[in-house]
Amino acid sequence: MGDWAHGLLGCFDDFGTCIIAWFVPCVTFGQNAEAAGTASSCLIGGIFFLIPLLNIICWIQTRGAIREQHGIEGSLVSDLLAICCCSLCALVQEAQQVKAGPGAGVSRA
């Protein structure tokens, strides 16, 4: 099991992604959901982000799918805490992980 390529507070590691997530988070969410396979397209994922309660359910599924694809340690509770306590940071963290590609997580010895 590994860790995220960028920490939860590493939003400014990719300033472009951070700005897009700040102004149009539905776009970043849609891209993440499409990359994780939890939405059939970026547009559908973006629409899911705009629907209350459905957005949280989809976000938890997307974050969990990204964790599984990249072999990142975590749980439903840690995902929910990240989403509820630091939403934009979690969104950017997921986008950075997706951009980094498979195997980008830092492995623990």
PDB file of N, CA and C in Angstrom:
ATOM      1  N   MET A   1       0.849  -1.178   0.000  1.00  0.00           N
ATOM      2  CA  MET A   1       0.000   0.000   0.000  1.00  0.00           C
ATOM      3  C   MET A   1       0.891   1.236   0.000  1.00  0.00           C
ATOM      4  N   GLY A   2       0.381   2.296  -0.591  1.00  0.00           N
ATOM      5  CA  GLY A   2       1.151   3.523  -0.684  1.00  0.00           C
ATOM      6  C   GLY A   2       0.404   4.712  -0.133  1.00  0.00           C
ATOM      7  N   ASP A   3       0.905   5.866  -0.460  1.00  0.00           N
ATOM      8  CA  ASP A   3       0.338   7.132  -0.038  1.00  0.00           C
ATOM      9  C   ASP A   3      -0.012   7.958  -1.271  1.00  0.00           C
ATOM     10  N   TRP A   4      -0.744   9.021  -1.058  1.00  0.00           N
ATOM     11  CA  TRP A   4      -1.070   9.939  -2.143  1.00  0.00           C
ATOM     12  C   TRP A   4       0.216  10.567  -2.665  1.00  0.00           C
ATOM     13  N   ALA A   5       0.288  10.845  -3.954  1.00  0.00           N
ATOM     14  CA  ALA A   5       1.466  11.472  -4.552  1.00  0.00           C
ATOM     15  C   ALA A   5       1.676  12.880  -3.984  1.00  0.00           C
ATOM     16  N   HIS A   6       0.590  13.543  -3.621  1.00  0.00           N
ATOM     17  CA  HIS A   6       0.629  14.879  -3.025  1.00  0.00           C
ATOM     18  C   HIS A   6      -0.230  14.857  -1.765  1.00  0.00           C
ATOM     19  N   GLY A   7       0.197  15.558  -0.746  1.00  0.00           N
ATOM     20  CA  GLY A   7      -0.553  15.610   0.504  1.00  0.00           C
ATOM     21  C   GLY A   7      -1.869  16.358   0.341  1.00  0.00           C
ATOM     22  N   LEU A   8      -2.730  16.209   1.325  1.00  0.00           N
ATOM     23  CA  LEU A   8      -4.032  16.863   1.300  1.00  0.00           C
ATOM     24  C   LEU A   8      -3.896  18.382   1.211  1.00  0.00           C
ATOM     25  N   LEU A   9      -2.882  18.926   1.836  1.00  0.00           N
ATOM     26  CA  LEU A   9      -2.684  20.373   1.790  1.00  0.00           C
ATOM     27  C   LEU A   9      -1.673  20.774   0.717  1.00  0.00           C
ATOM     28  N   GLY A  10      -1.427  19.906  -0.238  1.00  0.00           N
ATOM     29  CA  GLY A  10      -0.513  20.195  -1.337  1.00  0.00           C
ATOM     30  C   GLY A  10      -1.212  20.790  -2.543  1.00  0.00           C
ATOM     31  N   CYS A  11      -2.243  21.583  -2.293  1.00  0.00           N
ATOM     32  CA  CYS A  11      -3.049  22.157  -3.372  1.00  0.00           C
ATOM     33  C   CYS A  11      -2.205  22.954  -4.362  1.00  0.00           C
ATOM     34  N   PHE A  12      -1.230  23.690  -3.849  1.00  0.00           N
ATOM     35  CA  PHE A  12      -0.460  24.580  -4.710  1.00  0.00           C
ATOM     36  C   PHE A  12       0.698  23.875  -5.411  1.00  0.00           C
ATOM     37  N   ASP A  13       0.802  22.566  -5.254  1.00  0.00           N
ATOM     38  CA  ASP A  13       1.805  21.823  -6.013  1.00  0.00           C
ATOM     39  C   ASP A  13       1.489  21.889  -7.499  1.00  0.00           C
ATOM     40  N   ASP A  14       0.226  22.003  -7.834  1.00  0.00           N
ATOM     41  CA  ASP A  14      -0.233  22.171  -9.218  1.00  0.00           C
ATOM     42  C   ASP A  14      -1.199  23.353  -9.217  1.00  0.00           C
ATOM     43  N   PHE A  15      -0.659  24.526  -9.394  1.00  0.00           N
ATOM     44  CA  PHE A  15      -1.441  25.751  -9.257  1.00  0.00           C
ATOM     45  C   PHE A  15      -2.587  25.822 -10.266  1.00  0.00           C
ATOM     46  N   GLY A  16      -2.371  25.333 -11.491  1.00  0.00           N
ATOM     47  CA  GLY A  16      -3.415  25.356 -12.512  1.00  0.00           C
ATOM     48  C   GLY A  16      -4.634  24.546 -12.105  1.00  0.00           C
ATOM     49  N   THR A  17      -4.393  23.353 -11.623  1.00  0.00           N
ATOM     50  CA  THR A  17      -5.486  22.500 -11.158  1.00  0.00           C
ATOM     51  C   THR A  17      -6.192  23.140  -9.972  1.00  0.00           C
ATOM     52  N   CYS A  18      -5.429  23.760  -9.101  1.00  0.00           N
ATOM     53  CA  CYS A  18      -5.995  24.422  -7.924  1.00  0.00           C
ATOM     54  C   CYS A  18      -6.946  25.541  -8.337  1.00  0.00           C
ATOM     55  N   ILE A  19      -6.540  26.358  -9.300  1.00  0.00           N
ATOM     56  CA  ILE A  19      -7.375  27.475  -9.766  1.00  0.00           C
ATOM     57  C   ILE A  19      -8.650  26.952 -10.422  1.00  0.00           C
ATOM     58  N   ILE A  20      -8.525  25.941 -11.267  1.00  0.00           N
ATOM     59  CA  ILE A  20      -9.709  25.378 -11.933  1.00  0.00           C
ATOM     60  C   ILE A  20     -10.659  24.788 -10.898  1.00  0.00           C
ATOM     61  N   ALA A  21     -10.122  24.065  -9.927  1.00  0.00           N
ATOM     62  CA  ALA A  21     -10.962  23.459  -8.880  1.00  0.00           C
ATOM     63  C   ALA A  21     -11.646  24.535  -8.045  1.00  0.00           C
ATOM     64  N   TRP A  22     -10.994  25.651  -7.832  1.00  0.00           N
ATOM     65  CA  TRP A  22     -11.573  26.731  -7.032  1.00  0.00           C
ATOM     66  C   TRP A  22     -12.744  27.387  -7.750  1.00  0.00           C
ATOM     67  N   PHE A  23     -12.579  27.677  -9.047  1.00  0.00           N
ATOM     68  CA  PHE A  23     -13.604  28.420  -9.781  1.00  0.00           C
ATOM     69  C   PHE A  23     -14.679  27.536 -10.412  1.00  0.00           C
ATOM     70  N   VAL A  24     -14.322  26.370 -10.882  1.00  0.00           N
ATOM     71  CA  VAL A  24     -15.306  25.443 -11.476  1.00  0.00           C
ATOM     72  C   VAL A  24     -15.021  24.013 -10.984  1.00  0.00           C
ATOM     73  N   PRO A  25     -15.340  23.756  -9.718  1.00  0.00           N
ATOM     74  CA  PRO A  25     -15.035  22.435  -9.162  1.00  0.00           C
ATOM     75  C   PRO A  25     -15.762  21.291  -9.872  1.00  0.00           C
ATOM     76  N   CYS A  26     -16.886  21.589 -10.497  1.00  0.00           N
ATOM     77  CA  CYS A  26     -17.617  20.531 -11.193  1.00  0.00           C
ATOM     78  C   CYS A  26     -16.798  19.958 -12.352  1.00  0.00           C
ATOM     79  N   VAL A  27     -15.962  20.780 -12.974  1.00  0.00           N
ATOM     80  CA  VAL A  27     -15.113  20.302 -14.072  1.00  0.00           C
ATOM     81  C   VAL A  27     -14.053  19.340 -13.534  1.00  0.00           C
ATOM     82  N   THR A  28     -13.378  19.745 -12.487  1.00  0.00           N
ATOM     83  CA  THR A  28     -12.346  18.881 -11.891  1.00  0.00           C
ATOM     84  C   THR A  28     -12.966  17.588 -11.370  1.00  0.00           C
ATOM     85  N   PHE A  29     -14.123  17.708 -10.713  1.00  0.00           N
ATOM     86  CA  PHE A  29     -14.793  16.520 -10.210  1.00  0.00           C
ATOM     87  C   PHE A  29     -15.171  15.592 -11.368  1.00  0.00           C
ATOM     88  N   GLY A  30     -15.711  16.144 -12.436  1.00  0.00           N
ATOM     89  CA  GLY A  30     -16.089  15.338 -13.602  1.00  0.00           C
ATOM     90  C   GLY A  30     -14.901  14.616 -14.206  1.00  0.00           C
ATOM     91  N   GLN A  31     -13.770  15.302 -14.308  1.00  0.00           N
ATOM     92  CA  GLN A  31     -12.553  14.682 -14.843  1.00  0.00           C
ATOM     93  C   GLN A  31     -12.077  13.553 -13.939  1.00  0.00           C
ATOM     94  N   ASN A  32     -12.104  13.793 -12.632  1.00  0.00           N
ATOM     95  CA  ASN A  32     -11.694  12.757 -11.680  1.00  0.00           C
ATOM     96  C   ASN A  32     -12.614  11.543 -11.760  1.00  0.00           C
ATOM     97  N   ALA A  33     -13.920  11.790 -11.812  1.00  0.00           N
ATOM     98  CA  ALA A  33     -14.897  10.693 -11.854  1.00  0.00           C
ATOM     99  C   ALA A  33     -14.743   9.873 -13.132  1.00  0.00           C
ATOM    100  N   GLU A  34     -14.500  10.555 -14.245  1.00  0.00           N
ATOM    101  CA  GLU A  34     -14.304   9.834 -15.506  1.00  0.00           C
ATOM    102  C   GLU A  34     -13.027   8.992 -15.447  1.00  0.00           C
ATOM    103  N   ALA A  35     -11.946   9.564 -14.932  1.00  0.00           N
ATOM    104  CA  ALA A  35     -10.677   8.848 -14.829  1.00  0.00           C
ATOM    105  C   ALA A  35     -10.784   7.651 -13.880  1.00  0.00           C
ATOM    106  N   ALA A  36     -11.577   7.795 -12.826  1.00  0.00           N
ATOM    107  CA  ALA A  36     -11.747   6.713 -11.849  1.00  0.00           C
ATOM    108  C   ALA A  36     -12.736   5.651 -12.320  1.00  0.00           C
ATOM    109  N   GLY A  37     -13.510   5.975 -13.343  1.00  0.00           N
ATOM    110  CA  GLY A  37     -14.494   5.027 -13.851  1.00  0.00           C
ATOM    111  C   GLY A  37     -15.814   5.040 -13.100  1.00  0.00           C
ATOM    112  N   THR A  38     -16.042   6.085 -12.297  1.00  0.00           N
ATOM    113  CA  THR A  38     -17.297   6.152 -11.544  1.00  0.00           C
ATOM    114  C   THR A  38     -18.360   6.978 -12.275  1.00  0.00           C
ATOM    115  N   ALA A  39     -17.992   7.595 -13.387  1.00  0.00           N
ATOM    116  CA  ALA A  39     -18.953   8.305 -14.237  1.00  0.00           C
ATOM    117  C   ALA A  39     -18.586   7.993 -15.681  1.00  0.00           C
ATOM    118  N   SER A  40     -19.595   7.897 -16.539  1.00  0.00           N
ATOM    119  CA  SER A  40     -19.340   7.521 -17.926  1.00  0.00           C
ATOM    120  C   SER A  40     -18.651   8.627 -18.718  1.00  0.00           C
ATOM    121  N   SER A  41     -18.777   9.878 -18.259  1.00  0.00           N
ATOM    122  CA  SER A  41     -18.103  10.985 -18.940  1.00  0.00           C
ATOM    123  C   SER A  41     -17.861  12.122 -17.953  1.00  0.00           C
ATOM    124  N   CYS A  42     -17.031  13.041 -18.367  1.00  0.00           N
ATOM    125  CA  CYS A  42     -16.734  14.214 -17.547  1.00  0.00           C
ATOM    126  C   CYS A  42     -18.006  15.032 -17.312  1.00  0.00           C
ATOM    127  N   LEU A  43     -18.834  15.150 -18.328  1.00  0.00           N
ATOM    128  CA  LEU A  43     -20.079  15.916 -18.219  1.00  0.00           C
ATOM    129  C   LEU A  43     -21.012  15.309 -17.181  1.00  0.00           C
ATOM    130  N   ILE A  44     -21.190  13.997 -17.230  1.00  0.00           N
ATOM    131  CA  ILE A  44     -22.066  13.323 -16.262  1.00  0.00           C
ATOM    132  C   ILE A  44     -21.510  13.506 -14.849  1.00  0.00           C
ATOM    133  N   GLY A  45     -20.206  13.338 -14.682  1.00  0.00           N
ATOM    134  CA  GLY A  45     -19.590  13.541 -13.373  1.00  0.00           C
ATOM    135  C   GLY A  45     -19.782  14.960 -12.871  1.00  0.00           C
ATOM    136  N   GLY A  46     -19.638  15.935 -13.762  1.00  0.00           N
ATOM    137  CA  GLY A  46     -19.843  17.335 -13.396  1.00  0.00           C
ATOM    138  C   GLY A  46     -21.271  17.611 -12.965  1.00  0.00           C
ATOM    139  N   ILE A  47     -22.212  16.977 -13.624  1.00  0.00           N
ATOM    140  CA  ILE A  47     -23.626  17.144 -13.256  1.00  0.00           C
ATOM    141  C   ILE A  47     -23.890  16.504 -11.886  1.00  0.00           C
ATOM    142  N   PHE A  48     -23.299  15.329 -11.649  1.00  0.00           N
ATOM    143  CA  PHE A  48     -23.451  14.673 -10.347  1.00  0.00           C
ATOM    144  C   PHE A  48     -22.966  15.582  -9.226  1.00  0.00           C
ATOM    145  N   PHE A  49     -21.901  16.336  -9.485  1.00  0.00           N
ATOM    146  CA  PHE A  49     -21.328  17.220  -8.475  1.00  0.00           C
ATOM    147  C   PHE A  49     -22.311  18.316  -8.054  1.00  0.00           C
ATOM    148  N   LEU A  50     -23.220  18.681  -8.939  1.00  0.00           N
ATOM    149  CA  LEU A  50     -24.154  19.779  -8.675  1.00  0.00           C
ATOM    150  C   LEU A  50     -25.427  19.341  -7.955  1.00  0.00           C
ATOM    151  N   ILE A  51     -25.604  18.048  -7.749  1.00  0.00           N
ATOM    152  CA  ILE A  51     -26.820  17.532  -7.124  1.00  0.00           C
ATOM    153  C   ILE A  51     -26.524  17.163  -5.668  1.00  0.00           C
ATOM    154  N   PRO A  52     -27.131  17.890  -4.714  1.00  0.00           N
ATOM    155  CA  PRO A  52     -26.872  17.618  -3.293  1.00  0.00           C
ATOM    156  C   PRO A  52     -27.138  16.158  -2.921  1.00  0.00           C
ATOM    157  N   LEU A  53     -26.371  15.654  -2.026  1.00  0.00           N
ATOM    158  CA  LEU A  53     -26.348  14.279  -1.521  1.00  0.00           C
ATOM    159  C   LEU A  53     -25.778  13.304  -2.548  1.00  0.00           C
ATOM    160  N   LEU A  54     -26.226  13.388  -3.797  1.00  0.00           N
ATOM    161  CA  LEU A  54     -25.655  12.536  -4.836  1.00  0.00           C
ATOM    162  C   LEU A  54     -24.175  12.873  -5.001  1.00  0.00           C
ATOM    163  N   ASN A  55     -23.843  14.162  -4.858  1.00  0.00           N
ATOM    164  CA  ASN A  55     -22.442  14.563  -5.019  1.00  0.00           C
ATOM    165  C   ASN A  55     -21.547  13.907  -3.959  1.00  0.00           C
ATOM    166  N   ILE A  56     -22.016  13.821  -2.736  1.00  0.00           N
ATOM    167  CA  ILE A  56     -21.209  13.206  -1.666  1.00  0.00           C
ATOM    168  C   ILE A  56     -21.032  11.715  -1.930  1.00  0.00           C
ATOM    169  N   ILE A  57     -22.106  11.054  -2.325  1.00  0.00           N
ATOM    170  CA  ILE A  57     -22.047   9.616  -2.614  1.00  0.00           C
ATOM    171  C   ILE A  57     -21.076   9.350  -3.764  1.00  0.00           C
ATOM    172  N   CYS A  58     -21.197  10.117  -4.829  1.00  0.00           N
ATOM    173  CA  CYS A  58     -20.312   9.939  -5.986  1.00  0.00           C
ATOM    174  C   CYS A  58     -18.871  10.289  -5.642  1.00  0.00           C
ATOM    175  N   TRP A  59     -18.701  11.305  -4.813  1.00  0.00           N
ATOM    176  CA  TRP A  59     -17.348  11.734  -4.441  1.00  0.00           C
ATOM    177  C   TRP A  59     -16.655  10.651  -3.619  1.00  0.00           C
ATOM    178  N   ILE A  60     -17.385  10.056  -2.689  1.00  0.00           N
ATOM    179  CA  ILE A  60     -16.820   8.968  -1.876  1.00  0.00           C
ATOM    180  C   ILE A  60     -16.435   7.790  -2.779  1.00  0.00           C
ATOM    181  N   GLN A  61     -17.298   7.465  -3.731  1.00  0.00           N
ATOM    182  CA  GLN A  61     -17.001   6.370  -4.659  1.00  0.00           C
ATOM    183  C   GLN A  61     -15.784   6.698  -5.519  1.00  0.00           C
ATOM    184  N   THR A  62     -15.712   7.938  -5.994  1.00  0.00           N
ATOM    185  CA  THR A  62     -14.598   8.344  -6.856  1.00  0.00           C
ATOM    186  C   THR A  62     -13.283   8.326  -6.095  1.00  0.00           C
ATOM    187  N   ARG A  63     -13.279   8.909  -4.910  1.00  0.00           N
ATOM    188  CA  ARG A  63     -12.046   8.940  -4.109  1.00  0.00           C
ATOM    189  C   ARG A  63     -11.600   7.521  -3.755  1.00  0.00           C
ATOM    190  N   GLY A  64     -12.557   6.663  -3.412  1.00  0.00           N
ATOM    191  CA  GLY A  64     -12.228   5.271  -3.124  1.00  0.00           C
ATOM    192  C   GLY A  64     -11.678   4.538  -4.344  1.00  0.00           C
ATOM    193  N   ALA A  65     -12.253   4.802  -5.499  1.00  0.00           N
ATOM    194  CA  ALA A  65     -11.782   4.167  -6.730  1.00  0.00           C
ATOM    195  C   ALA A  65     -10.364   4.627  -7.075  1.00  0.00           C
ATOM    196  N   ILE A  66     -10.085   5.905  -6.889  1.00  0.00           N
ATOM    197  CA  ILE A  66      -8.734   6.424  -7.145  1.00  0.00           C
ATOM    198  C   ILE A  66      -7.747   5.769  -6.184  1.00  0.00           C
ATOM    199  N   ARG A  67      -8.137   5.653  -4.915  1.00  0.00           N
ATOM    200  CA  ARG A  67      -7.272   4.992  -3.938  1.00  0.00           C
ATOM    201  C   ARG A  67      -6.975   3.551  -4.355  1.00  0.00           C
ATOM    202  N   GLU A  68      -7.999   2.830  -4.769  1.00  0.00           N
ATOM    203  CA  GLU A  68      -7.821   1.429  -5.164  1.00  0.00           C
ATOM    204  C   GLU A  68      -6.940   1.306  -6.395  1.00  0.00           C
ATOM    205  N   GLN A  69      -7.175   2.152  -7.395  1.00  0.00           N
ATOM    206  CA  GLN A  69      -6.399   2.089  -8.637  1.00  0.00           C
ATOM    207  C   GLN A  69      -4.915   2.362  -8.408  1.00  0.00           C
ATOM    208  N   HIS A  70      -4.617   3.197  -7.434  1.00  0.00           N
ATOM    209  CA  HIS A  70      -3.238   3.610  -7.191  1.00  0.00           C
ATOM    210  C   HIS A  70      -2.628   2.937  -5.961  1.00  0.00           C
ATOM    211  N   GLY A  71      -3.346   2.012  -5.356  1.00  0.00           N
ATOM    212  CA  GLY A  71      -2.836   1.276  -4.209  1.00  0.00           C
ATOM    213  C   GLY A  71      -2.551   2.159  -3.004  1.00  0.00           C
ATOM    214  N   ILE A  72      -3.465   3.094  -2.754  1.00  0.00           N
ATOM    215  CA  ILE A  72      -3.293   4.043  -1.652  1.00  0.00           C
ATOM    216  C   ILE A  72      -4.068   3.557  -0.442  1.00  0.00           C
ATOM    217  N   GLU A  73      -3.396   3.620   0.686  1.00  0.00           N
ATOM    218  CA  GLU A  73      -4.015   3.209   1.941  1.00  0.00           C
ATOM    219  C   GLU A  73      -5.088   4.225   2.347  1.00  0.00           C
ATOM    220  N   GLY A  74      -6.160   3.761   2.937  1.00  0.00           N
ATOM    221  CA  GLY A  74      -7.217   4.649   3.402  1.00  0.00           C
ATOM    222  C   GLY A  74      -8.497   3.882   3.651  1.00  0.00           C
ATOM    223  N   SER A  75      -9.549   4.632   3.998  1.00  0.00           N
ATOM    224  CA  SER A  75     -10.827   4.001   4.301  1.00  0.00           C
ATOM    225  C   SER A  75     -11.966   4.949   3.940  1.00  0.00           C
ATOM    226  N   LEU A  76     -13.156   4.442   4.038  1.00  0.00           N
ATOM    227  CA  LEU A  76     -14.350   5.242   3.791  1.00  0.00           C
ATOM    228  C   LEU A  76     -14.395   6.429   4.749  1.00  0.00           C
ATOM    229  N   VAL A  77     -14.044   6.204   5.991  1.00  0.00           N
ATOM    230  CA  VAL A  77     -14.076   7.268   6.995  1.00  0.00           C
ATOM    231  C   VAL A  77     -13.053   8.357   6.667  1.00  0.00           C
ATOM    232  N   SER A  78     -11.843   7.961   6.301  1.00  0.00           N
ATOM    233  CA  SER A  78     -10.825   8.965   5.960  1.00  0.00           C
ATOM    234  C   SER A  78     -11.222   9.740   4.714  1.00  0.00           C
ATOM    235  N   ASP A  79     -11.846   9.061   3.755  1.00  0.00           N
ATOM    236  CA  ASP A  79     -12.326   9.751   2.553  1.00  0.00           C
ATOM    237  C   ASP A  79     -13.411  10.761   2.906  1.00  0.00           C
ATOM    238  N   LEU A  80     -14.348  10.352   3.733  1.00  0.00           N
ATOM    239  CA  LEU A  80     -15.448  11.234   4.128  1.00  0.00           C
ATOM    240  C   LEU A  80     -14.925  12.441   4.907  1.00  0.00           C
ATOM    241  N   LEU A  81     -13.977  12.226   5.791  1.00  0.00           N
ATOM    242  CA  LEU A  81     -13.393  13.334   6.542  1.00  0.00           C
ATOM    243  C   LEU A  81     -12.686  14.321   5.624  1.00  0.00           C
ATOM    244  N   ALA A  82     -11.923  13.807   4.672  1.00  0.00           N
ATOM    245  CA  ALA A  82     -11.218  14.684   3.732  1.00  0.00           C
ATOM    246  C   ALA A  82     -12.217  15.497   2.900  1.00  0.00           C
ATOM    247  N   ILE A  83     -13.264  14.840   2.449  1.00  0.00           N
ATOM    248  CA  ILE A  83     -14.268  15.511   1.610  1.00  0.00           C
ATOM    249  C   ILE A  83     -15.030  16.566   2.406  1.00  0.00           C
ATOM    250  N   CYS A  84     -15.426  16.241   3.615  1.00  0.00           N
ATOM    251  CA  CYS A  84     -16.235  17.178   4.406  1.00  0.00           C
ATOM    252  C   CYS A  84     -15.415  18.304   5.037  1.00  0.00           C
ATOM    253  N   CYS A  85     -14.191  18.016   5.437  1.00  0.00           N
ATOM    254  CA  CYS A  85     -13.396  19.020   6.160  1.00  0.00           C
ATOM    255  C   CYS A  85     -12.551  19.889   5.240  1.00  0.00           C
ATOM    256  N   CYS A  86     -12.157  19.373   4.107  1.00  0.00           N
ATOM    257  CA  CYS A  86     -11.262  20.121   3.216  1.00  0.00           C
ATOM    258  C   CYS A  86     -11.578  19.754   1.764  1.00  0.00           C
ATOM    259  N   SER A  87     -12.777  20.101   1.334  1.00  0.00           N
ATOM    260  CA  SER A  87     -13.305  19.671   0.042  1.00  0.00           C
ATOM    261  C   SER A  87     -12.404  19.992  -1.141  1.00  0.00           C
ATOM    262  N   LEU A  88     -12.056  21.257  -1.285  1.00  0.00           N
ATOM    263  CA  LEU A  88     -11.260  21.639  -2.450  1.00  0.00           C
ATOM    264  C   LEU A  88      -9.868  21.018  -2.417  1.00  0.00           C
ATOM    265  N   CYS A  89      -9.298  20.910  -1.240  1.00  0.00           N
ATOM    266  CA  CYS A  89      -7.985  20.262  -1.124  1.00  0.00           C
ATOM    267  C   CYS A  89      -8.083  18.796  -1.548  1.00  0.00           C
ATOM    268  N   ALA A  90      -9.139  18.110  -1.118  1.00  0.00           N
ATOM    269  CA  ALA A  90      -9.341  16.712  -1.496  1.00  0.00           C
ATOM    270  C   ALA A  90      -9.540  16.581  -3.003  1.00  0.00           C
ATOM    271  N   LEU A  91     -10.293  17.502  -3.585  1.00  0.00           N
ATOM    272  CA  LEU A  91     -10.551  17.488  -5.023  1.00  0.00           C
ATOM    273  C   LEU A  91      -9.254  17.659  -5.811  1.00  0.00           C
ATOM    274  N   VAL A  92      -8.431  18.599  -5.386  1.00  0.00           N
ATOM    275  CA  VAL A  92      -7.148  18.839  -6.063  1.00  0.00           C
ATOM    276  C   VAL A  92      -6.210  17.654  -5.850  1.00  0.00           C
ATOM    277  N   GLN A  93      -6.198  17.093  -4.656  1.00  0.00           N
ATOM    278  CA  GLN A  93      -5.359  15.935  -4.374  1.00  0.00           C
ATOM    279  C   GLN A  93      -5.709  14.777  -5.314  1.00  0.00           C
ATOM    280  N   GLU A  94      -6.994  14.539  -5.495  1.00  0.00           N
ATOM    281  CA  GLU A  94      -7.441  13.470  -6.390  1.00  0.00           C
ATOM    282  C   GLU A  94      -7.017  13.755  -7.823  1.00  0.00           C
ATOM    283  N   ALA A  95      -7.191  14.999  -8.270  1.00  0.00           N
ATOM    284  CA  ALA A  95      -6.817  15.370  -9.633  1.00  0.00           C
ATOM    285  C   ALA A  95      -5.316  15.202  -9.858  1.00  0.00           C
ATOM    286  N   GLN A  96      -4.516  15.583  -8.867  1.00  0.00           N
ATOM    287  CA  GLN A  96      -3.070  15.428  -8.981  1.00  0.00           C
ATOM    288  C   GLN A  96      -2.688  13.952  -9.051  1.00  0.00           C
ATOM    289  N   GLN A  97      -3.383  13.122  -8.307  1.00  0.00           N
ATOM    290  CA  GLN A  97      -3.102  11.689  -8.316  1.00  0.00           C
ATOM    291  C   GLN A  97      -3.448  11.091  -9.671  1.00  0.00           C
ATOM    292  N   VAL A  98      -4.586  11.492 -10.225  1.00  0.00           N
ATOM    293  CA  VAL A  98      -5.009  10.982 -11.527  1.00  0.00           C
ATOM    294  C   VAL A  98      -4.003  11.411 -12.602  1.00  0.00           C
ATOM    295  N   LYS A  99      -3.544  12.664 -12.537  1.00  0.00           N
ATOM    296  CA  LYS A  99      -2.565  13.161 -13.514  1.00  0.00           C
ATOM    297  C   LYS A  99      -1.230  12.439 -13.391  1.00  0.00           C
ATOM    298  N   ALA A 100      -0.858  12.079 -12.170  1.00  0.00           N
ATOM    299  CA  ALA A 100       0.437  11.419 -11.944  1.00  0.00           C
ATOM    300  C   ALA A 100       0.479  10.030 -12.560  1.00  0.00           C
ATOM    301  N   GLY A 101      -0.672   9.410 -12.714  1.00  0.00           N
ATOM    302  CA  GLY A 101      -0.739   8.085 -13.335  1.00  0.00           C
ATOM    303  C   GLY A 101      -0.575   6.956 -12.332  1.00  0.00           C
ATOM    304  N   PRO A 102      -0.758   5.730 -12.817  1.00  0.00           N
ATOM    305  CA  PRO A 102      -0.666   4.557 -11.945  1.00  0.00           C
ATOM    306  C   PRO A 102       0.726   4.416 -11.339  1.00  0.00           C
ATOM    307  N   GLY A 103       0.765   3.935 -10.129  1.00  0.00           N
ATOM    308  CA  GLY A 103       2.035   3.697  -9.465  1.00  0.00           C
ATOM    309  C   GLY A 103       2.711   4.944  -8.944  1.00  0.00           C
ATOM    310  N   ALA A 104       1.972   6.077  -8.924  1.00  0.00           N
ATOM    311  CA  ALA A 104       2.578   7.339  -8.485  1.00  0.00           C
ATOM    312  C   ALA A 104       2.545   7.512  -6.977  1.00  0.00           C
ATOM    313  N   GLY A 105       1.840   6.637  -6.297  1.00  0.00           N
ATOM    314  CA  GLY A 105       1.792   6.735  -4.837  1.00  0.00           C
ATOM    315  C   GLY A 105       3.148   6.405  -4.233  1.00  0.00           C
ATOM    316  N   VAL A 106       3.474   7.029  -3.146  1.00  0.00           N
ATOM    317  CA  VAL A 106       4.746   6.787  -2.469  1.00  0.00           C
ATOM    318  C   VAL A 106       4.594   5.525  -1.646  1.00  0.00           C
ATOM    319  N   SER A 107       5.404   4.508  -1.937  1.00  0.00           N
ATOM    320  CA  SER A 107       5.259   3.254  -1.199  1.00  0.00           C
ATOM    321  C   SER A 107       5.939   3.366   0.150  1.00  0.00           C
ATOM    322  N   ARG A 108       5.372   2.661   1.088  1.00  0.00           N
ATOM    323  CA  ARG A 108       5.911   2.646   2.451  1.00  0.00           C
ATOM    324  C   ARG A 108       6.759   1.417   2.630  1.00  0.00           C
ATOM    325  N   ALA A 109       7.818   1.556   3.338  1.00  0.00           N
ATOM    326  CA  ALA A 109       8.733   0.429   3.557  1.00  0.00           C
ATOM    327  C   ALA A 109       8.281  -0.439   4.697  1.00  0.00           C
TER     328      ALA A 109
END
